[in-house]
N, C-alpha and C. Protein backbone atom coordinates (compact mmCIF):
# COMPACT_ATOMS: atom_id res chain seq x y z
N MET A 1 10.69 194.87 -6.83
CA MET A 1 10.64 194.20 -8.10
C MET A 1 9.41 194.69 -8.87
N GLY A 2 9.63 195.04 -10.11
CA GLY A 2 8.54 195.50 -10.95
C GLY A 2 7.90 194.34 -11.69
N SER A 3 6.89 194.67 -12.45
CA SER A 3 6.20 193.63 -13.21
C SER A 3 6.34 193.86 -14.70
N GLY A 4 7.32 194.68 -15.10
CA GLY A 4 7.52 195.00 -16.50
C GLY A 4 8.22 193.87 -17.24
N PRO A 5 8.53 194.11 -18.51
CA PRO A 5 9.17 193.08 -19.33
C PRO A 5 10.53 192.64 -18.80
N ARG A 6 11.32 193.57 -18.25
CA ARG A 6 12.63 193.18 -17.73
C ARG A 6 12.51 192.30 -16.50
N ALA A 7 11.52 192.56 -15.67
CA ALA A 7 11.33 191.74 -14.47
C ALA A 7 10.94 190.31 -14.84
N ARG A 8 10.23 190.14 -15.96
CA ARG A 8 9.83 188.81 -16.41
C ARG A 8 10.93 188.13 -17.22
N GLY A 9 11.98 188.83 -17.53
CA GLY A 9 13.06 188.24 -18.31
C GLY A 9 12.94 188.51 -19.80
N ASP A 10 11.93 189.27 -20.23
CA ASP A 10 11.78 189.61 -21.65
C ASP A 10 12.70 190.78 -21.97
N THR A 11 13.58 190.60 -22.90
CA THR A 11 14.51 191.67 -23.26
C THR A 11 14.11 192.36 -24.54
N GLY A 12 13.01 191.97 -25.14
CA GLY A 12 12.56 192.61 -26.37
C GLY A 12 12.92 191.78 -27.58
N ALA A 13 14.19 191.76 -27.95
CA ALA A 13 14.63 191.02 -29.12
C ALA A 13 14.96 189.57 -28.74
N PRO A 14 14.48 188.62 -29.53
CA PRO A 14 14.80 187.22 -29.23
C PRO A 14 16.27 186.92 -29.53
N SER A 15 16.80 186.01 -28.81
CA SER A 15 18.20 185.61 -28.99
C SER A 15 18.34 184.80 -30.27
N PRO A 16 19.45 184.97 -31.00
CA PRO A 16 19.64 184.15 -32.20
C PRO A 16 19.97 182.70 -31.87
N ARG A 17 20.34 182.42 -30.64
CA ARG A 17 20.63 181.05 -30.23
C ARG A 17 19.33 180.26 -30.13
N ILE A 18 19.42 179.00 -30.47
CA ILE A 18 18.23 178.14 -30.40
C ILE A 18 17.90 177.85 -28.94
N PRO A 19 16.66 178.06 -28.54
CA PRO A 19 16.28 177.73 -27.16
C PRO A 19 16.31 176.22 -26.94
N GLY A 20 16.60 175.85 -25.72
CA GLY A 20 16.64 174.43 -25.38
C GLY A 20 15.30 173.75 -25.60
N ILE A 21 14.21 174.48 -25.40
CA ILE A 21 12.88 173.91 -25.60
C ILE A 21 12.66 173.58 -27.08
N ALA A 22 13.13 174.46 -27.97
CA ALA A 22 12.98 174.21 -29.41
C ALA A 22 13.83 173.01 -29.83
N LEU A 23 15.04 172.93 -29.30
CA LEU A 23 15.90 171.79 -29.61
C LEU A 23 15.30 170.49 -29.09
N ALA A 24 14.73 170.55 -27.89
CA ALA A 24 14.08 169.36 -27.33
C ALA A 24 12.86 168.97 -28.15
N ALA A 25 12.07 169.95 -28.59
CA ALA A 25 10.88 169.65 -29.41
C ALA A 25 11.28 168.98 -30.72
N ALA A 26 12.33 169.49 -31.36
CA ALA A 26 12.77 168.90 -32.62
C ALA A 26 13.32 167.49 -32.40
N ALA A 27 14.12 167.31 -31.36
CA ALA A 27 14.68 165.98 -31.09
C ALA A 27 13.58 164.98 -30.75
N ILE A 28 12.64 165.39 -29.92
CA ILE A 28 11.53 164.51 -29.56
C ILE A 28 10.67 164.21 -30.79
N GLY A 29 10.51 165.22 -31.66
CA GLY A 29 9.75 165.00 -32.89
C GLY A 29 10.41 163.97 -33.80
N VAL A 30 11.73 164.05 -33.93
CA VAL A 30 12.45 163.07 -34.76
C VAL A 30 12.38 161.68 -34.14
N ILE A 31 12.61 161.60 -32.84
CA ILE A 31 12.55 160.31 -32.15
C ILE A 31 11.13 159.75 -32.20
N GLY A 32 10.14 160.62 -32.07
CA GLY A 32 8.75 160.18 -32.10
C GLY A 32 8.29 159.70 -33.46
N ALA A 33 8.96 160.12 -34.52
CA ALA A 33 8.60 159.67 -35.86
C ALA A 33 9.17 158.28 -36.18
N MET A 34 10.19 157.87 -35.45
CA MET A 34 10.86 156.61 -35.76
C MET A 34 9.95 155.37 -35.65
N PRO A 35 9.11 155.23 -34.61
CA PRO A 35 8.23 154.05 -34.60
C PRO A 35 7.28 154.00 -35.80
N SER A 36 6.80 155.16 -36.22
CA SER A 36 5.91 155.20 -37.38
C SER A 36 6.66 154.83 -38.66
N VAL A 37 7.91 155.28 -38.79
CA VAL A 37 8.72 154.93 -39.95
C VAL A 37 8.96 153.42 -39.98
N LEU A 38 9.35 152.87 -38.83
CA LEU A 38 9.61 151.44 -38.78
C LEU A 38 8.36 150.62 -39.07
N LEU A 39 7.24 151.04 -38.54
CA LEU A 39 5.99 150.32 -38.79
C LEU A 39 5.58 150.41 -40.25
N ALA A 40 5.74 151.59 -40.84
CA ALA A 40 5.39 151.76 -42.25
C ALA A 40 6.30 150.90 -43.14
N LEU A 41 7.60 150.89 -42.82
CA LEU A 41 8.52 150.06 -43.61
C LEU A 41 8.25 148.58 -43.42
N LEU A 42 7.85 148.20 -42.21
CA LEU A 42 7.49 146.81 -41.95
C LEU A 42 6.27 146.40 -42.78
N VAL A 43 5.26 147.25 -42.81
CA VAL A 43 4.07 146.95 -43.60
C VAL A 43 4.41 146.89 -45.09
N LEU A 44 5.24 147.83 -45.55
CA LEU A 44 5.65 147.80 -46.95
C LEU A 44 6.46 146.55 -47.27
N GLY A 45 7.30 146.14 -46.35
CA GLY A 45 8.10 144.93 -46.56
C GLY A 45 7.26 143.68 -46.56
N LEU A 46 6.27 143.62 -45.69
CA LEU A 46 5.41 142.44 -45.63
C LEU A 46 4.49 142.36 -46.84
N GLU A 47 4.15 143.52 -47.38
CA GLU A 47 3.29 143.53 -48.56
C GLU A 47 4.05 142.98 -49.76
N GLY A 48 5.34 143.30 -49.84
CA GLY A 48 6.25 142.73 -50.84
C GLY A 48 5.76 142.78 -52.26
N SER A 49 5.73 141.63 -52.88
CA SER A 49 5.40 141.55 -54.30
C SER A 49 3.93 141.82 -54.57
N GLN A 50 3.11 141.79 -53.54
CA GLN A 50 1.69 142.09 -53.73
C GLN A 50 1.49 143.51 -54.24
N ALA A 51 2.34 144.46 -53.80
CA ALA A 51 2.25 145.83 -54.27
C ALA A 51 2.65 145.94 -55.73
N VAL A 52 3.59 145.11 -56.15
CA VAL A 52 4.05 145.14 -57.54
C VAL A 52 2.97 144.59 -58.47
N THR A 53 2.31 143.53 -58.07
CA THR A 53 1.31 142.91 -58.94
C THR A 53 -0.01 143.66 -58.95
N SER A 54 -0.34 144.35 -57.87
CA SER A 54 -1.65 145.01 -57.82
C SER A 54 -1.59 146.46 -58.28
N GLY A 55 -0.45 146.96 -58.67
CA GLY A 55 -0.35 148.35 -59.14
C GLY A 55 -0.02 149.28 -57.99
N VAL A 56 -0.79 150.35 -57.83
CA VAL A 56 -0.53 151.34 -56.79
C VAL A 56 -0.96 150.80 -55.44
N SER A 57 -0.10 150.96 -54.47
CA SER A 57 -0.37 150.45 -53.13
C SER A 57 -0.73 151.59 -52.20
N TRP A 58 -1.73 151.38 -51.35
CA TRP A 58 -2.13 152.40 -50.37
C TRP A 58 -1.14 152.47 -49.22
N THR A 59 -0.31 151.44 -49.06
CA THR A 59 0.60 151.42 -47.92
C THR A 59 1.70 152.47 -48.02
N TRP A 60 1.95 152.98 -49.22
CA TRP A 60 2.91 154.06 -49.34
C TRP A 60 2.43 155.31 -48.60
N LEU A 61 1.14 155.42 -48.41
CA LEU A 61 0.60 156.56 -47.66
C LEU A 61 1.03 156.54 -46.20
N LEU A 62 1.39 155.35 -45.69
CA LEU A 62 1.84 155.26 -44.30
C LEU A 62 3.13 156.02 -44.06
N LEU A 63 3.92 156.22 -45.09
CA LEU A 63 5.17 156.96 -44.94
C LEU A 63 4.95 158.46 -44.84
N ILE A 64 3.78 158.95 -45.21
CA ILE A 64 3.52 160.39 -45.18
C ILE A 64 3.55 160.92 -43.76
N ALA A 65 2.93 160.23 -42.82
CA ALA A 65 2.83 160.73 -41.44
C ALA A 65 4.20 160.95 -40.81
N PRO A 66 5.11 159.98 -40.82
CA PRO A 66 6.42 160.25 -40.22
C PRO A 66 7.25 161.26 -41.01
N LEU A 67 7.07 161.30 -42.32
CA LEU A 67 7.81 162.29 -43.11
C LEU A 67 7.36 163.71 -42.78
N VAL A 68 6.08 163.90 -42.54
CA VAL A 68 5.58 165.21 -42.11
C VAL A 68 6.19 165.59 -40.77
N GLN A 69 6.27 164.64 -39.86
CA GLN A 69 6.86 164.89 -38.55
C GLN A 69 8.35 165.27 -38.68
N LEU A 70 9.09 164.55 -39.50
CA LEU A 70 10.50 164.86 -39.71
C LEU A 70 10.69 166.21 -40.38
N PHE A 71 9.87 166.50 -41.38
CA PHE A 71 9.94 167.81 -42.04
C PHE A 71 9.67 168.93 -41.05
N ALA A 72 8.68 168.76 -40.19
CA ALA A 72 8.33 169.79 -39.22
C ALA A 72 9.46 170.02 -38.22
N ALA A 73 10.15 168.96 -37.83
CA ALA A 73 11.27 169.10 -36.89
C ALA A 73 12.40 169.91 -37.52
N PHE A 74 12.72 169.61 -38.76
CA PHE A 74 13.79 170.36 -39.43
C PHE A 74 13.35 171.78 -39.77
N TRP A 75 12.08 171.98 -40.05
CA TRP A 75 11.53 173.32 -40.30
C TRP A 75 11.66 174.17 -39.03
N LEU A 76 11.41 173.58 -37.88
CA LEU A 76 11.56 174.29 -36.61
C LEU A 76 13.03 174.62 -36.35
N LEU A 77 13.92 173.68 -36.57
CA LEU A 77 15.35 173.93 -36.35
C LEU A 77 15.90 174.98 -37.31
N ALA A 78 15.30 175.10 -38.49
CA ALA A 78 15.73 176.10 -39.45
C ALA A 78 15.15 177.47 -39.13
N ARG A 79 14.38 177.54 -38.07
CA ARG A 79 13.76 178.78 -37.58
C ARG A 79 12.79 179.37 -38.60
N ARG A 80 12.10 178.49 -39.29
CA ARG A 80 11.13 178.92 -40.29
C ARG A 80 9.73 179.04 -39.72
N GLY A 81 9.42 178.30 -38.66
CA GLY A 81 8.11 178.38 -38.06
C GLY A 81 7.87 177.26 -37.07
N TRP A 82 6.98 177.52 -36.15
CA TRP A 82 6.66 176.55 -35.10
C TRP A 82 5.37 175.80 -35.41
N LEU A 83 4.52 176.36 -36.24
CA LEU A 83 3.20 175.77 -36.48
C LEU A 83 3.25 174.38 -37.13
N PRO A 84 4.12 174.13 -38.11
CA PRO A 84 4.17 172.75 -38.64
C PRO A 84 4.49 171.72 -37.57
N MET A 85 5.37 172.06 -36.64
CA MET A 85 5.70 171.12 -35.56
C MET A 85 4.51 170.92 -34.64
N ALA A 86 3.76 172.00 -34.42
CA ALA A 86 2.60 171.90 -33.54
C ALA A 86 1.47 171.09 -34.17
N LEU A 87 1.44 171.03 -35.49
CA LEU A 87 0.37 170.30 -36.18
C LEU A 87 0.81 168.95 -36.74
N ALA A 88 2.09 168.64 -36.65
CA ALA A 88 2.62 167.42 -37.27
C ALA A 88 2.13 166.15 -36.60
N TRP A 89 1.58 166.24 -35.43
CA TRP A 89 1.10 165.04 -34.75
C TRP A 89 -0.23 164.57 -35.35
N LEU A 90 -0.92 165.42 -36.10
CA LEU A 90 -2.23 165.03 -36.65
C LEU A 90 -2.15 163.87 -37.65
N PRO A 91 -1.23 163.89 -38.64
CA PRO A 91 -1.15 162.71 -39.52
C PRO A 91 -0.76 161.44 -38.77
N ILE A 92 0.10 161.58 -37.78
CA ILE A 92 0.47 160.40 -36.99
C ILE A 92 -0.73 159.92 -36.18
N ALA A 93 -1.57 160.85 -35.72
CA ALA A 93 -2.78 160.46 -34.99
C ALA A 93 -3.73 159.69 -35.90
N LEU A 94 -3.86 160.12 -37.15
CA LEU A 94 -4.71 159.39 -38.10
C LEU A 94 -4.15 158.00 -38.37
N PHE A 95 -2.86 157.93 -38.57
CA PHE A 95 -2.18 156.65 -38.80
C PHE A 95 -2.34 155.74 -37.58
N THR A 96 -2.14 156.30 -36.40
CA THR A 96 -2.25 155.53 -35.17
C THR A 96 -3.69 155.09 -34.92
N GLY A 97 -4.63 155.98 -35.21
CA GLY A 97 -6.04 155.63 -35.04
C GLY A 97 -6.44 154.47 -35.95
N ALA A 98 -5.97 154.51 -37.19
CA ALA A 98 -6.27 153.41 -38.10
C ALA A 98 -5.63 152.11 -37.62
N ALA A 99 -4.41 152.21 -37.11
CA ALA A 99 -3.73 151.02 -36.59
C ALA A 99 -4.43 150.49 -35.35
N ALA A 100 -4.93 151.40 -34.50
CA ALA A 100 -5.60 150.98 -33.27
C ALA A 100 -6.93 150.29 -33.59
N VAL A 101 -7.66 150.84 -34.56
CA VAL A 101 -8.94 150.23 -34.93
C VAL A 101 -8.71 148.87 -35.57
N THR A 102 -7.73 148.78 -36.45
CA THR A 102 -7.43 147.51 -37.10
C THR A 102 -6.91 146.50 -36.08
N GLY A 103 -6.06 146.96 -35.17
CA GLY A 103 -5.50 146.07 -34.16
C GLY A 103 -6.53 145.62 -33.14
N ALA A 104 -7.50 146.49 -32.85
CA ALA A 104 -8.54 146.13 -31.88
C ALA A 104 -9.43 145.03 -32.42
N GLU A 105 -9.57 144.98 -33.73
CA GLU A 105 -10.38 143.93 -34.33
C GLU A 105 -9.67 142.58 -34.29
N SER A 106 -8.34 142.61 -34.38
CA SER A 106 -7.62 141.34 -34.45
C SER A 106 -7.03 140.90 -33.11
N ALA A 107 -6.48 141.83 -32.33
CA ALA A 107 -5.87 141.47 -31.04
C ALA A 107 -6.11 142.60 -30.05
N GLY A 108 -6.37 142.26 -28.82
CA GLY A 108 -6.76 143.25 -27.82
C GLY A 108 -5.69 144.24 -27.41
N GLY A 109 -4.43 143.84 -27.26
CA GLY A 109 -3.40 144.71 -26.73
C GLY A 109 -2.78 145.67 -27.74
N VAL A 110 -3.10 145.52 -29.01
CA VAL A 110 -2.48 146.35 -30.04
C VAL A 110 -2.96 147.79 -29.95
N ALA A 111 -4.20 148.03 -29.57
CA ALA A 111 -4.74 149.39 -29.52
C ALA A 111 -3.98 150.24 -28.51
N ALA A 112 -3.70 149.70 -27.35
CA ALA A 112 -2.96 150.45 -26.33
C ALA A 112 -1.53 150.70 -26.79
N LEU A 113 -0.92 149.74 -27.44
CA LEU A 113 0.44 149.91 -27.93
C LEU A 113 0.50 150.95 -29.05
N ALA A 114 -0.52 150.97 -29.90
CA ALA A 114 -0.56 151.95 -30.98
C ALA A 114 -0.71 153.37 -30.44
N LEU A 115 -1.44 153.53 -29.35
CA LEU A 115 -1.61 154.86 -28.77
C LEU A 115 -0.32 155.40 -28.16
N LEU A 116 0.61 154.51 -27.80
CA LEU A 116 1.90 154.97 -27.29
C LEU A 116 2.70 155.71 -28.36
N GLN A 117 2.39 155.48 -29.63
CA GLN A 117 3.05 156.20 -30.71
C GLN A 117 2.75 157.68 -30.68
N LEU A 118 1.66 158.06 -30.06
CA LEU A 118 1.26 159.47 -30.02
C LEU A 118 1.96 160.28 -28.95
N VAL A 119 2.53 159.63 -27.96
CA VAL A 119 3.07 160.35 -26.80
C VAL A 119 4.16 161.33 -27.21
N LEU A 120 5.18 160.89 -27.92
CA LEU A 120 6.29 161.78 -28.28
C LEU A 120 5.90 162.86 -29.29
N PRO A 121 5.13 162.56 -30.35
CA PRO A 121 4.74 163.65 -31.25
C PRO A 121 3.88 164.72 -30.57
N VAL A 122 3.01 164.31 -29.68
CA VAL A 122 2.18 165.31 -28.97
C VAL A 122 3.05 166.13 -28.02
N LEU A 123 3.99 165.49 -27.35
CA LEU A 123 4.91 166.22 -26.47
C LEU A 123 5.74 167.22 -27.28
N ALA A 124 6.21 166.82 -28.45
CA ALA A 124 6.96 167.73 -29.32
C ALA A 124 6.09 168.92 -29.74
N ALA A 125 4.82 168.67 -30.03
CA ALA A 125 3.91 169.74 -30.40
C ALA A 125 3.69 170.72 -29.26
N VAL A 126 3.56 170.20 -28.06
CA VAL A 126 3.36 171.07 -26.89
C VAL A 126 4.61 171.92 -26.67
N LEU A 127 5.78 171.33 -26.76
CA LEU A 127 7.02 172.10 -26.56
C LEU A 127 7.21 173.15 -27.66
N ALA A 128 6.86 172.81 -28.89
CA ALA A 128 7.01 173.77 -29.99
C ALA A 128 6.01 174.91 -29.89
N SER A 129 4.94 174.73 -29.14
CA SER A 129 3.91 175.75 -29.02
C SER A 129 4.15 176.72 -27.86
N THR A 130 5.25 176.56 -27.15
CA THR A 130 5.50 177.45 -26.02
C THR A 130 5.82 178.86 -26.52
N ARG A 131 5.62 179.82 -25.65
CA ARG A 131 5.82 181.22 -26.02
C ARG A 131 7.27 181.49 -26.43
N ARG A 132 8.20 180.90 -25.73
CA ARG A 132 9.61 181.14 -26.03
C ARG A 132 9.97 180.66 -27.43
N VAL A 133 9.48 179.50 -27.83
CA VAL A 133 9.78 178.97 -29.17
C VAL A 133 9.06 179.81 -30.23
N ARG A 134 7.83 180.18 -29.98
CA ARG A 134 7.09 181.02 -30.95
C ARG A 134 7.82 182.34 -31.15
N ARG A 135 8.29 182.93 -30.07
CA ARG A 135 9.00 184.21 -30.16
C ARG A 135 10.33 184.04 -30.89
N TRP A 136 11.01 182.91 -30.66
CA TRP A 136 12.29 182.67 -31.32
C TRP A 136 12.12 182.50 -32.83
N THR A 137 11.08 181.77 -33.24
CA THR A 137 10.87 181.58 -34.68
C THR A 137 10.37 182.85 -35.35
N ALA A 138 9.68 183.71 -34.62
CA ALA A 138 9.19 184.95 -35.19
C ALA A 138 10.31 185.99 -35.36
N GLY A 139 11.35 185.87 -34.54
CA GLY A 139 12.41 186.88 -34.56
C GLY A 139 13.44 186.54 -35.53
């Protein structure tokens, strides 16, 4: 057995078929964005008429983090690039960090629950950063 590209399974040109790792990264990214979407919509719903009377509401910014994650998942599936998926967990981390700090001030168990929101987006980022997915999006 040699140690060349054929021995490692590299055939040179990437396959046009989507790798299972890329599909898993996109699916996990979409599923991982759902808790953030639900939480953002819950906060927007609870704010209710207060947003209407006070003008511009900062809570609309909460929707940015999951929308970035969803955009990155579809960008990966469209074979446009892997980097948005690898970086999409950062806005969710900021959102989760703010929720953890706010929750830690009011109730003790909220911080640990908020950190669970990071598990799936970070896993999606790790899967999207693999060599096989990078090679597939480059080809």
